[in-house]
């Protein structure tokens, strides 16, 4: 005999069945057993979340009605409409404010942002154009310098070679003057001797005068050749 089914059907505790032996002797049909009582519904939600948190997780409005004064503010309702749209049951007109609010906003923007959107876009376009023109000009300058790079290298090498030649010529001229001074005395003279220094200085002055005269002669020849070319 099924004692559990018997106690459920008769609403009599198990401990009291000994006082009702006549009832316990008769087993009730299975159709009289209450299925709702035997298999009670058990909640299967193990998340432990509150209903408003579940709604947020399911992307629906957290509350169906206001639960706090914050839920009645424009800021909250605007954010609610911005997130859930028409499902929020919020009038979208609240997102645009009243005429007074828009007027105050326009006054504030006229002070903080006096330029219109078109003016800002035009200023941005001009600024970009100026930057692009500056970049293009710099690139053109770099390209021109690159084209002259080989010529600059040749000029630099020529200057270096000329300085080397001038230095070698100066050393050779110095040695020649020293040799001339020694031949003047007819014997080997110490370079630290005062007579040697005086004679060397005199020879250097004469040599400089000759060089200057030679340069002047070359310059006169060039001018004469230029005049002849112009007259012909």
Protein backbone atom coordinates (compact mmCIF):
# COMPACT_ATOMS: atom_id res chain seq x y z
CA UNK A 1 0.00 0.00 0.00
CA UNK A 2 1.29 3.50 -0.91
CA UNK A 3 1.20 5.45 2.36
CA UNK A 4 2.38 8.70 0.71
CA UNK A 5 -0.47 8.76 -1.79
CA UNK A 6 -2.93 7.92 0.94
CA UNK A 7 -1.84 10.77 3.18
CA UNK A 8 -1.87 13.27 0.31
CA UNK A 9 -5.33 12.25 -0.84
CA UNK A 10 -6.92 12.27 2.61
CA UNK A 11 -4.99 15.28 4.00
CA UNK A 12 -4.18 13.18 7.08
CA UNK A 13 -0.67 13.22 8.54
CA UNK A 14 1.24 9.98 8.54
CA UNK A 15 1.54 10.01 12.31
CA UNK A 16 -2.26 9.92 12.66
CA UNK A 17 -2.94 6.90 10.41
CA UNK A 18 -2.82 4.52 13.35
CA UNK A 19 -6.04 6.05 14.69
CA UNK A 20 -7.85 5.50 11.36
CA UNK A 21 -7.05 1.90 10.52
CA UNK A 22 -10.26 1.46 8.54
CA UNK A 23 -9.28 4.28 6.19
CA UNK A 24 -5.73 3.04 5.89
CA UNK A 25 -6.94 -0.41 4.88
CA UNK A 26 -8.62 0.97 1.74
CA UNK A 27 -6.23 2.26 -0.96
CA UNK A 28 -7.66 5.04 -3.06
CA UNK A 29 -7.42 4.88 -6.85
CA UNK A 30 -4.48 6.66 -8.50
CA UNK A 31 -6.86 9.08 -10.20
CA UNK A 32 -7.71 10.67 -6.85
CA UNK A 33 -4.08 11.57 -6.15
CA UNK A 34 -3.38 15.33 -6.53
CA UNK A 35 -0.56 15.75 -9.06
CA UNK A 36 -0.07 19.42 -8.06
CA UNK A 37 0.58 18.45 -4.49
CA UNK A 38 2.85 15.55 -5.38
CA UNK A 39 4.91 17.51 -7.94
CA UNK A 40 5.12 21.05 -6.69
CA UNK A 41 6.48 23.61 -9.14
CA UNK A 42 10.07 24.45 -8.34
CA UNK A 43 11.68 27.73 -9.47
CA UNK A 44 14.52 27.02 -11.85
CA UNK A 45 16.00 30.60 -11.79
CA UNK A 46 19.38 30.24 -10.09
CA UNK A 47 20.79 33.68 -11.06
CA UNK A 48 19.59 35.46 -7.95
CA UNK A 49 19.01 38.63 -9.99
CA UNK A 50 16.19 41.01 -9.29
CA UNK A 51 13.50 41.48 -11.88
CA UNK A 52 14.78 44.90 -13.00
CA UNK A 53 18.25 43.45 -13.52
CA UNK A 54 16.82 40.59 -15.57
CA UNK A 55 14.97 43.11 -17.70
CA UNK A 56 18.19 45.00 -18.38
CA UNK A 57 19.87 41.73 -19.30
CA UNK A 58 17.01 40.92 -21.68
CA UNK A 59 17.22 44.45 -23.16
CA UNK A 60 13.82 45.59 -21.96
CA UNK A 61 12.84 48.47 -19.70
CA UNK A 62 13.90 47.82 -16.09
CA UNK A 63 10.64 49.07 -14.56
CA UNK A 64 7.11 49.13 -15.89
CA UNK A 65 6.30 52.06 -13.61
CA UNK A 66 8.29 54.66 -11.69
CA UNK A 67 9.80 53.43 -8.41
CA UNK A 68 11.71 56.59 -7.54
CA UNK A 69 11.64 60.31 -8.22
CA UNK A 70 14.71 59.82 -10.42
CA UNK A 71 12.58 57.78 -12.84
CA UNK A 72 10.42 60.87 -13.42
CA UNK A 73 13.28 63.19 -14.39
CA UNK A 74 13.86 64.24 -17.99
CA UNK A 75 17.44 62.99 -17.93
CA UNK A 76 16.41 59.46 -16.96
CA UNK A 77 13.53 59.31 -19.43
CA UNK A 78 15.71 60.62 -22.24
CA UNK A 79 18.35 57.99 -21.53
CA UNK A 80 15.58 55.37 -21.35
CA UNK A 81 14.25 56.36 -24.76
CA UNK A 82 17.74 56.55 -26.20
CA UNK A 83 18.45 52.97 -25.15
CA UNK A 84 15.12 51.17 -25.63
CA UNK A 85 13.36 53.40 -28.17
CA UNK A 86 9.62 52.90 -28.53
CA UNK A 87 9.64 49.96 -26.09
CA UNK A 88 10.33 52.42 -23.26
CA UNK A 89 6.82 53.96 -23.60
CA UNK A 90 8.43 57.40 -23.33
CA UNK A 91 7.20 60.29 -25.45
CA UNK A 92 10.12 61.16 -27.78
CA UNK A 93 9.16 64.82 -27.58
CA UNK A 94 10.88 64.96 -24.20
CA UNK A 95 14.24 64.55 -25.95
CA UNK A 96 13.91 67.94 -27.65
CA UNK A 97 12.91 70.04 -24.65
CA UNK A 98 10.48 72.91 -24.53
CA UNK A 99 10.59 76.11 -26.55
CA UNK A 100 12.00 77.93 -23.52
CA UNK A 101 14.76 75.35 -23.12
CA UNK A 102 15.68 75.60 -26.79
CA UNK A 103 15.73 79.39 -26.61
CA UNK A 104 18.04 79.35 -23.59
CA UNK A 105 20.28 76.81 -25.31
CA UNK A 106 20.51 79.00 -28.40
CA UNK A 107 21.42 82.04 -26.29
CA UNK A 108 24.09 80.08 -24.46
CA UNK A 109 25.50 78.72 -27.72
CA UNK A 110 25.54 82.21 -29.25
CA UNK A 111 27.94 83.21 -26.46
CA UNK A 112 30.07 80.07 -26.15
CA UNK A 113 29.97 79.16 -29.86
CA UNK A 114 29.27 82.33 -31.87
CA UNK A 115 30.20 80.67 -35.17
CA UNK A 116 27.69 78.58 -37.06
CA UNK A 117 28.32 75.04 -38.25
CA UNK A 118 28.80 76.27 -41.82
CA UNK A 119 31.38 78.81 -40.66
CA UNK A 120 33.24 76.17 -38.66
CA UNK A 121 33.26 73.83 -41.65
CA UNK A 122 34.54 76.61 -43.90
CA UNK A 123 37.27 77.49 -41.42
CA UNK A 124 38.25 73.83 -41.19
CA UNK A 125 38.35 73.57 -44.99
CA UNK A 126 40.57 76.66 -45.27
CA UNK A 127 42.88 75.37 -42.53
CA UNK A 128 43.24 72.00 -44.26
CA UNK A 129 43.91 73.72 -47.59
CA UNK A 130 46.62 75.90 -46.04
CA UNK A 131 48.28 72.91 -44.39
CA UNK A 132 48.16 70.97 -47.65
CA UNK A 133 49.64 73.92 -49.55
CA UNK A 134 52.45 74.22 -46.99
CA UNK A 135 53.18 70.50 -47.28
CA UNK A 136 53.17 70.70 -51.08
CA UNK A 137 55.49 73.71 -51.05
CA UNK A 138 57.90 71.94 -48.72
CA UNK A 139 57.88 68.81 -50.89
CA UNK A 140 58.55 70.91 -54.00
CA UNK A 141 61.47 72.59 -52.25
CA UNK A 142 62.88 69.21 -51.24
CA UNK A 143 62.52 67.96 -54.83
CA UNK A 144 64.37 71.00 -56.20
CA UNK A 145 67.15 70.54 -53.66
CA UNK A 146 67.44 66.87 -54.59
CA UNK A 147 67.79 67.88 -58.23
CA UNK A 148 70.66 70.22 -57.28
CA UNK A 149 72.27 67.68 -54.97
CA UNK A 150 74.73 66.36 -57.55
CA UNK A 151 75.78 69.89 -58.50
CA UNK A 152 76.28 70.76 -54.83
CA UNK A 153 78.42 67.67 -54.38
CA UNK A 154 80.54 68.65 -57.37
CA UNK A 155 80.92 72.23 -56.07
CA UNK A 156 81.85 70.97 -52.61
CA UNK A 157 84.44 68.58 -54.00
CA UNK A 158 85.84 71.41 -56.13
CA UNK A 159 86.11 73.70 -53.08
CA UNK A 160 87.82 70.98 -51.05
CA UNK A 161 90.24 70.28 -53.87
CA UNK A 162 90.95 74.01 -54.28
CA UNK A 163 91.70 74.35 -50.57
CA UNK A 164 94.04 71.40 -50.73
CA UNK A 165 95.76 72.87 -53.76
CA UNK A 166 96.04 76.28 -52.06
CA UNK A 167 97.47 74.68 -48.93
CA UNK A 168 99.99 72.69 -50.97
CA UNK A 169 100.93 75.82 -52.96
CA UNK A 170 101.38 77.81 -49.75
CA UNK A 171 103.67 75.14 -48.32
CA UNK A 172 105.63 74.97 -51.55
CA UNK A 173 105.92 78.78 -51.69
CA UNK A 174 107.10 78.87 -48.08
CA UNK A 175 109.76 76.28 -48.78
CA UNK A 176 110.84 78.15 -51.92
CA UNK A 177 111.20 81.42 -50.01
CA UNK A 178 113.22 79.72 -47.29
CA UNK A 179 115.51 78.25 -49.93
CA UNK A 180 115.91 81.68 -51.58
CA UNK A 181 116.86 83.24 -48.25
CA UNK A 182 119.46 80.56 -47.64
CA UNK A 183 120.90 81.07 -51.10
CA UNK A 184 121.01 84.81 -50.40
CA UNK A 185 123.26 84.28 -47.39
CA UNK A 186 125.33 81.63 -49.18
CA UNK A 187 125.34 79.30 -46.22
CA UNK A 188 122.90 77.36 -44.07
CA UNK A 189 121.21 79.69 -41.60
CA UNK A 190 119.12 78.72 -38.60
CA UNK A 191 115.44 79.59 -39.12
CA UNK A 192 115.38 81.15 -35.63
CA UNK A 193 118.06 83.68 -36.55
CA UNK A 194 116.81 87.30 -36.66
CA UNK A 195 118.54 87.98 -39.99
CA UNK A 196 116.82 84.96 -41.47
CA UNK A 197 113.44 86.10 -40.17
CA UNK A 198 113.88 89.63 -41.56
CA UNK A 199 114.93 88.38 -44.98
CA UNK A 200 112.09 85.83 -45.05
CA UNK A 201 109.55 88.53 -44.19
CA UNK A 202 110.92 90.72 -46.97
CA UNK A 203 110.68 87.85 -49.46
CA UNK A 204 107.10 87.12 -48.40
CA UNK A 205 106.11 90.75 -48.98
CA UNK A 206 107.65 90.68 -52.44
CA UNK A 207 105.89 87.41 -53.22
CA UNK A 208 102.51 88.81 -52.10
CA UNK A 209 103.05 91.87 -54.26
CA UNK A 210 103.80 89.66 -57.25
CA UNK A 211 100.69 87.56 -56.60
CA UNK A 212 98.53 90.67 -56.34
CA UNK A 213 100.00 91.99 -59.56
CA UNK A 214 99.31 88.69 -61.29
CA UNK A 215 95.69 88.70 -60.10
CA UNK A 216 95.25 92.28 -61.29
CA UNK A 217 96.70 91.34 -64.67
CA UNK A 218 94.29 88.40 -64.99
CA UNK A 219 91.36 90.63 -64.06
CA UNK A 220 92.37 93.25 -66.64
CA UNK A 221 92.68 90.59 -69.31
CA UNK A 222 89.17 89.32 -68.53
CA UNK A 223 87.70 92.82 -68.68
CA UNK A 224 89.47 93.51 -71.96
CA UNK A 225 88.18 90.26 -73.44
CA UNK A 226 84.66 91.16 -72.31
CA UNK A 227 84.86 94.61 -73.91
CA UNK A 228 86.15 93.16 -77.15
CA UNK A 229 83.31 90.66 -77.18
CA UNK A 230 80.70 93.37 -76.60
CA UNK A 231 82.14 95.68 -79.31
CA UNK A 232 82.23 92.88 -81.87
